[in-house]
Amino acid sequence: MADMRPLRDELQATLDARRDLGPEYEQALVESFVERLDATIAARVRAELDIHGPRPGKNHKSSTSALIPIALGSLGLSIPLTAIAASAAGPAGLVMAWLAIITVNIVASVAIMRGR
């Protein structure tokens, strides 16, 4: 693992500055440290990608096969949700339940397809 000393020194400097400046500067100090931490992580990721190369992309078949459990789970949950919504809130509840089911499926599908 890479030398963690510079990051430890950064954190110690941030903690020392917080002690010297007081709590009113805490938010700015935390944000500054997080930016430096983010830059360090990004540099390490770039270095690893330079060494090993990017991961191979997922194929289309594995992406679409991830939709099957979501669709089946949706159908399985839709039966009791339909019954509960219709009995508790009537037609309005039924429409809202099905809109929620449809929305979840669309969002999941888009997320899976973008990830492929």
N, C-alpha and C. Protein backbone atom coordinates (compact mmCIF):
# COMPACT_ATOMS: atom_id res chain seq x y z
N MET A 1 0.85 -1.19 0.00
CA MET A 1 0.00 0.00 0.00
C MET A 1 0.89 1.24 0.00
N ALA A 2 0.40 2.28 -0.64
CA ALA A 2 1.17 3.52 -0.76
C ALA A 2 1.42 4.12 0.62
N ASP A 3 2.45 4.94 0.69
CA ASP A 3 2.80 5.59 1.95
C ASP A 3 1.68 6.51 2.40
N MET A 4 1.18 6.28 3.59
CA MET A 4 0.06 7.06 4.13
C MET A 4 0.55 8.29 4.91
N ARG A 5 1.84 8.45 5.01
CA ARG A 5 2.39 9.54 5.81
C ARG A 5 1.90 10.93 5.37
N PRO A 6 1.92 11.26 4.07
CA PRO A 6 1.45 12.60 3.68
C PRO A 6 -0.01 12.85 4.07
N LEU A 7 -0.83 11.84 3.95
CA LEU A 7 -2.24 12.00 4.31
C LEU A 7 -2.40 12.18 5.82
N ARG A 8 -1.63 11.44 6.58
CA ARG A 8 -1.67 11.60 8.04
C ARG A 8 -1.20 13.01 8.42
N ASP A 9 -0.16 13.48 7.75
CA ASP A 9 0.34 14.83 8.03
C ASP A 9 -0.72 15.89 7.70
N GLU A 10 -1.43 15.69 6.58
CA GLU A 10 -2.51 16.62 6.19
C GLU A 10 -3.60 16.65 7.27
N LEU A 11 -4.00 15.46 7.74
CA LEU A 11 -5.04 15.38 8.76
C LEU A 11 -4.57 16.04 10.05
N GLN A 12 -3.33 15.78 10.44
CA GLN A 12 -2.81 16.40 11.65
C GLN A 12 -2.77 17.92 11.52
N ALA A 13 -2.36 18.41 10.36
CA ALA A 13 -2.33 19.87 10.13
C ALA A 13 -3.74 20.45 10.21
N THR A 14 -4.70 19.74 9.67
CA THR A 14 -6.10 20.21 9.74
C THR A 14 -6.58 20.26 11.18
N LEU A 15 -6.27 19.22 11.95
CA LEU A 15 -6.68 19.19 13.35
C LEU A 15 -5.98 20.30 14.15
N ASP A 16 -4.69 20.53 13.86
CA ASP A 16 -3.97 21.62 14.54
C ASP A 16 -4.56 22.98 14.20
N ALA A 17 -4.90 23.18 12.93
CA ALA A 17 -5.49 24.44 12.50
C ALA A 17 -6.84 24.65 13.17
N ARG A 18 -7.62 23.57 13.29
CA ARG A 18 -8.93 23.68 13.95
C ARG A 18 -8.76 24.10 15.41
N ARG A 19 -7.76 23.53 16.05
CA ARG A 19 -7.49 23.88 17.44
C ARG A 19 -7.07 25.34 17.56
N ASP A 20 -6.25 25.81 16.61
CA ASP A 20 -5.76 27.19 16.65
C ASP A 20 -6.84 28.20 16.26
N LEU A 21 -7.64 27.86 15.24
CA LEU A 21 -8.61 28.83 14.70
C LEU A 21 -9.95 28.79 15.42
N GLY A 22 -10.29 27.67 16.00
CA GLY A 22 -11.55 27.56 16.71
C GLY A 22 -12.64 26.92 15.86
N PRO A 23 -13.76 26.65 16.50
CA PRO A 23 -14.84 25.90 15.83
C PRO A 23 -15.52 26.66 14.68
N GLU A 24 -15.39 27.98 14.64
CA GLU A 24 -16.05 28.73 13.56
C GLU A 24 -15.42 28.45 12.20
N TYR A 25 -14.21 27.93 12.16
CA TYR A 25 -13.55 27.59 10.90
C TYR A 25 -13.60 26.09 10.59
N GLU A 26 -14.28 25.35 11.44
CA GLU A 26 -14.30 23.89 11.30
C GLU A 26 -14.83 23.44 9.94
N GLN A 27 -15.93 24.01 9.49
CA GLN A 27 -16.52 23.61 8.21
C GLN A 27 -15.56 23.83 7.05
N ALA A 28 -14.90 24.98 7.02
CA ALA A 28 -13.95 25.28 5.95
C ALA A 28 -12.75 24.34 6.00
N LEU A 29 -12.28 24.03 7.20
CA LEU A 29 -11.15 23.12 7.34
C LEU A 29 -11.51 21.71 6.89
N VAL A 30 -12.70 21.26 7.26
CA VAL A 30 -13.15 19.92 6.86
C VAL A 30 -13.28 19.85 5.35
N GLU A 31 -13.88 20.87 4.74
CA GLU A 31 -14.04 20.88 3.29
C GLU A 31 -12.68 20.87 2.58
N SER A 32 -11.75 21.64 3.11
CA SER A 32 -10.41 21.69 2.53
C SER A 32 -9.73 20.32 2.62
N PHE A 33 -9.85 19.67 3.77
CA PHE A 33 -9.25 18.35 3.93
C PHE A 33 -9.91 17.33 3.00
N VAL A 34 -11.22 17.39 2.89
CA VAL A 34 -11.93 16.45 2.02
C VAL A 34 -11.50 16.65 0.56
N GLU A 35 -11.30 17.89 0.15
CA GLU A 35 -10.83 18.14 -1.22
C GLU A 35 -9.44 17.54 -1.44
N ARG A 36 -8.56 17.70 -0.46
CA ARG A 36 -7.22 17.11 -0.59
C ARG A 36 -7.29 15.58 -0.58
N LEU A 37 -8.16 15.03 0.26
CA LEU A 37 -8.34 13.59 0.31
C LEU A 37 -8.88 13.07 -1.02
N ASP A 38 -9.85 13.79 -1.57
CA ASP A 38 -10.42 13.41 -2.86
C ASP A 38 -9.36 13.44 -3.96
N ALA A 39 -8.51 14.45 -3.95
CA ALA A 39 -7.44 14.54 -4.94
C ALA A 39 -6.46 13.39 -4.78
N THR A 40 -6.16 13.02 -3.54
CA THR A 40 -5.26 11.90 -3.28
C THR A 40 -5.85 10.60 -3.79
N ILE A 41 -7.13 10.38 -3.52
CA ILE A 41 -7.80 9.16 -3.98
C ILE A 41 -7.82 9.12 -5.51
N ALA A 42 -8.17 10.25 -6.13
CA ALA A 42 -8.22 10.30 -7.59
C ALA A 42 -6.84 9.99 -8.20
N ALA A 43 -5.79 10.52 -7.59
CA ALA A 43 -4.44 10.26 -8.09
C ALA A 43 -4.09 8.78 -7.97
N ARG A 44 -4.49 8.16 -6.88
CA ARG A 44 -4.22 6.74 -6.69
C ARG A 44 -5.00 5.89 -7.69
N VAL A 45 -6.25 6.27 -7.93
CA VAL A 45 -7.05 5.53 -8.92
C VAL A 45 -6.43 5.65 -10.30
N ARG A 46 -6.01 6.87 -10.66
CA ARG A 46 -5.35 7.07 -11.97
C ARG A 46 -4.09 6.22 -12.07
N ALA A 47 -3.31 6.18 -10.99
CA ALA A 47 -2.08 5.39 -11.00
C ALA A 47 -2.38 3.91 -11.17
N GLU A 48 -3.40 3.42 -10.48
CA GLU A 48 -3.79 2.01 -10.62
C GLU A 48 -4.28 1.71 -12.03
N LEU A 49 -5.07 2.63 -12.60
CA LEU A 49 -5.55 2.41 -13.96
C LEU A 49 -4.39 2.44 -14.96
N ASP A 50 -3.40 3.29 -14.71
CA ASP A 50 -2.22 3.32 -15.58
C ASP A 50 -1.47 1.99 -15.53
N ILE A 51 -1.43 1.40 -14.35
CA ILE A 51 -0.72 0.13 -14.18
C ILE A 51 -1.52 -1.04 -14.73
N HIS A 52 -2.78 -1.14 -14.33
CA HIS A 52 -3.59 -2.31 -14.65
C HIS A 52 -4.56 -2.12 -15.80
N GLY A 53 -4.84 -0.91 -16.17
CA GLY A 53 -5.82 -0.64 -17.22
C GLY A 53 -7.23 -0.67 -16.66
N PRO A 54 -8.20 -0.16 -17.42
CA PRO A 54 -9.59 -0.15 -16.94
C PRO A 54 -10.17 -1.56 -16.92
N ARG A 55 -11.16 -1.75 -16.06
CA ARG A 55 -11.86 -3.03 -16.00
C ARG A 55 -12.62 -3.23 -17.29
N PRO A 56 -12.70 -4.46 -17.76
CA PRO A 56 -13.51 -4.69 -18.96
C PRO A 56 -14.98 -4.40 -18.67
N GLY A 57 -15.67 -3.88 -19.67
CA GLY A 57 -17.08 -3.54 -19.50
C GLY A 57 -17.96 -4.77 -19.39
N LYS A 58 -19.12 -4.59 -18.79
CA LYS A 58 -20.08 -5.68 -18.68
C LYS A 58 -20.71 -5.91 -20.04
N ASN A 59 -21.06 -7.13 -20.30
CA ASN A 59 -21.74 -7.39 -21.57
C ASN A 59 -23.24 -7.16 -21.44
N HIS A 60 -23.88 -7.05 -22.57
CA HIS A 60 -25.32 -6.74 -22.61
C HIS A 60 -26.14 -7.83 -21.94
N LYS A 61 -25.75 -9.08 -22.11
CA LYS A 61 -26.53 -10.19 -21.57
C LYS A 61 -26.59 -10.12 -20.05
N SER A 62 -25.47 -9.84 -19.38
CA SER A 62 -25.49 -9.78 -17.92
C SER A 62 -26.29 -8.58 -17.42
N SER A 63 -26.32 -7.50 -18.17
CA SER A 63 -27.10 -6.33 -17.77
C SER A 63 -28.59 -6.61 -17.84
N THR A 64 -29.02 -7.23 -18.93
CA THR A 64 -30.45 -7.50 -19.06
C THR A 64 -30.88 -8.61 -18.13
N SER A 65 -30.00 -9.54 -17.80
CA SER A 65 -30.39 -10.60 -16.88
C SER A 65 -30.60 -10.05 -15.47
N ALA A 66 -30.02 -8.90 -15.16
CA ALA A 66 -30.24 -8.28 -13.86
C ALA A 66 -31.65 -7.71 -13.75
N LEU A 67 -32.30 -7.49 -14.88
CA LEU A 67 -33.66 -6.96 -14.87
C LEU A 67 -34.69 -8.02 -14.47
N ILE A 68 -34.38 -9.29 -14.71
CA ILE A 68 -35.35 -10.35 -14.44
C ILE A 68 -35.74 -10.40 -12.96
N PRO A 69 -34.78 -10.42 -12.01
CA PRO A 69 -35.20 -10.44 -10.60
C PRO A 69 -36.02 -9.21 -10.21
N ILE A 70 -35.70 -8.07 -10.79
CA ILE A 70 -36.45 -6.86 -10.46
C ILE A 70 -37.88 -6.98 -10.97
N ALA A 71 -38.03 -7.48 -12.19
CA ALA A 71 -39.37 -7.65 -12.76
C ALA A 71 -40.18 -8.67 -11.97
N LEU A 72 -39.57 -9.79 -11.64
CA LEU A 72 -40.29 -10.82 -10.89
C LEU A 72 -40.64 -10.33 -9.48
N GLY A 73 -39.71 -9.65 -8.84
CA GLY A 73 -39.98 -9.10 -7.51
C GLY A 73 -41.09 -8.07 -7.56
N SER A 74 -41.08 -7.27 -8.60
CA SER A 74 -42.13 -6.27 -8.78
C SER A 74 -43.50 -6.92 -8.92
N LEU A 75 -43.55 -7.95 -9.75
CA LEU A 75 -44.82 -8.64 -9.94
C LEU A 75 -45.29 -9.30 -8.65
N GLY A 76 -44.35 -9.91 -7.93
CA GLY A 76 -44.71 -10.55 -6.67
C GLY A 76 -45.22 -9.57 -5.63
N LEU A 77 -44.60 -8.40 -5.57
CA LEU A 77 -45.03 -7.39 -4.60
C LEU A 77 -46.27 -6.64 -5.06
N SER A 78 -46.50 -6.61 -6.36
CA SER A 78 -47.63 -5.83 -6.86
C SER A 78 -48.97 -6.42 -6.44
N ILE A 79 -49.04 -7.73 -6.26
CA ILE A 79 -50.32 -8.36 -5.87
C ILE A 79 -50.77 -7.88 -4.50
N PRO A 80 -49.94 -8.02 -3.45
CA PRO A 80 -50.41 -7.52 -2.15
C PRO A 80 -50.53 -6.00 -2.10
N LEU A 81 -49.63 -5.28 -2.81
CA LEU A 81 -49.74 -3.82 -2.83
C LEU A 81 -51.03 -3.37 -3.48
N THR A 82 -51.43 -4.04 -4.53
CA THR A 82 -52.68 -3.70 -5.20
C THR A 82 -53.86 -3.91 -4.27
N ALA A 83 -53.87 -5.04 -3.59
CA ALA A 83 -54.97 -5.35 -2.66
C ALA A 83 -55.03 -4.35 -1.51
N ILE A 84 -53.89 -4.05 -0.94
CA ILE A 84 -53.85 -3.13 0.20
C ILE A 84 -54.26 -1.73 -0.25
N ALA A 85 -53.69 -1.26 -1.37
CA ALA A 85 -53.99 0.09 -1.84
C ALA A 85 -55.46 0.23 -2.22
N ALA A 86 -56.01 -0.77 -2.90
CA ALA A 86 -57.41 -0.69 -3.32
C ALA A 86 -58.34 -0.71 -2.12
N SER A 87 -58.05 -1.53 -1.12
CA SER A 87 -58.95 -1.60 0.03
C SER A 87 -58.80 -0.39 0.96
N ALA A 88 -57.59 0.16 1.06
CA ALA A 88 -57.37 1.26 1.98
C ALA A 88 -57.72 2.62 1.38
N ALA A 89 -57.42 2.82 0.10
CA ALA A 89 -57.60 4.15 -0.48
C ALA A 89 -58.43 4.16 -1.74
N GLY A 90 -58.96 3.03 -2.13
CA GLY A 90 -59.82 2.98 -3.31
C GLY A 90 -59.03 3.13 -4.60
N PRO A 91 -59.71 3.61 -5.64
CA PRO A 91 -59.05 3.73 -6.94
C PRO A 91 -57.82 4.65 -6.92
N ALA A 92 -57.86 5.70 -6.13
CA ALA A 92 -56.71 6.62 -6.06
C ALA A 92 -55.49 5.89 -5.50
N GLY A 93 -55.69 5.10 -4.48
CA GLY A 93 -54.60 4.32 -3.90
C GLY A 93 -54.07 3.30 -4.87
N LEU A 94 -54.96 2.70 -5.63
CA LEU A 94 -54.57 1.72 -6.64
C LEU A 94 -53.68 2.37 -7.70
N VAL A 95 -54.09 3.52 -8.17
CA VAL A 95 -53.31 4.24 -9.19
C VAL A 95 -51.95 4.64 -8.63
N MET A 96 -51.93 5.14 -7.40
CA MET A 96 -50.66 5.56 -6.79
C MET A 96 -49.72 4.37 -6.60
N ALA A 97 -50.25 3.23 -6.17
CA ALA A 97 -49.42 2.05 -5.97
C ALA A 97 -48.80 1.61 -7.29
N TRP A 98 -49.59 1.57 -8.34
CA TRP A 98 -49.08 1.13 -9.63
C TRP A 98 -48.12 2.15 -10.25
N LEU A 99 -48.35 3.43 -10.02
CA LEU A 99 -47.38 4.42 -10.48
C LEU A 99 -46.04 4.25 -9.77
N ALA A 100 -46.09 3.93 -8.48
CA ALA A 100 -44.85 3.69 -7.73
C ALA A 100 -44.14 2.45 -8.26
N ILE A 101 -44.88 1.38 -8.53
CA ILE A 101 -44.28 0.15 -9.06
C ILE A 101 -43.64 0.42 -10.41
N ILE A 102 -44.34 1.13 -11.27
CA ILE A 102 -43.82 1.44 -12.60
C ILE A 102 -42.57 2.31 -12.50
N THR A 103 -42.60 3.30 -11.62
CA THR A 103 -41.46 4.20 -11.44
C THR A 103 -40.23 3.43 -10.97
N VAL A 104 -40.41 2.55 -10.01
CA VAL A 104 -39.28 1.76 -9.51
C VAL A 104 -38.68 0.92 -10.63
N ASN A 105 -39.52 0.31 -11.44
CA ASN A 105 -39.03 -0.51 -12.54
C ASN A 105 -38.29 0.31 -13.59
N ILE A 106 -38.81 1.47 -13.91
CA ILE A 106 -38.14 2.33 -14.91
C ILE A 106 -36.79 2.81 -14.38
N VAL A 107 -36.76 3.27 -13.15
CA VAL A 107 -35.51 3.76 -12.57
C VAL A 107 -34.48 2.63 -12.50
N ALA A 108 -34.89 1.45 -12.08
CA ALA A 108 -33.96 0.32 -12.00
C ALA A 108 -33.45 -0.05 -13.39
N SER A 109 -34.34 -0.06 -14.36
CA SER A 109 -33.93 -0.41 -15.73
C SER A 109 -32.93 0.58 -16.29
N VAL A 110 -33.20 1.85 -16.09
CA VAL A 110 -32.29 2.89 -16.60
C VAL A 110 -30.93 2.78 -15.90
N ALA A 111 -30.95 2.56 -14.58
CA ALA A 111 -29.69 2.46 -13.84
C ALA A 111 -28.89 1.24 -14.32
N ILE A 112 -29.53 0.13 -14.53
CA ILE A 112 -28.83 -1.08 -14.99
C ILE A 112 -28.29 -0.88 -16.39
N MET A 113 -29.08 -0.30 -17.27
CA MET A 113 -28.64 -0.10 -18.65
C MET A 113 -27.50 0.91 -18.75
N ARG A 114 -27.49 1.91 -17.90
CA ARG A 114 -26.39 2.89 -17.91
C ARG A 114 -25.13 2.27 -17.37
N GLY A 115 -25.26 1.29 -16.47
CA GLY A 115 -24.10 0.65 -15.88
C GLY A 115 -23.43 -0.35 -16.79
N ARG A 116 -24.04 -0.69 -17.91
CA ARG A 116 -23.44 -1.74 -18.76
C ARG A 116 -22.38 -1.25 -19.64
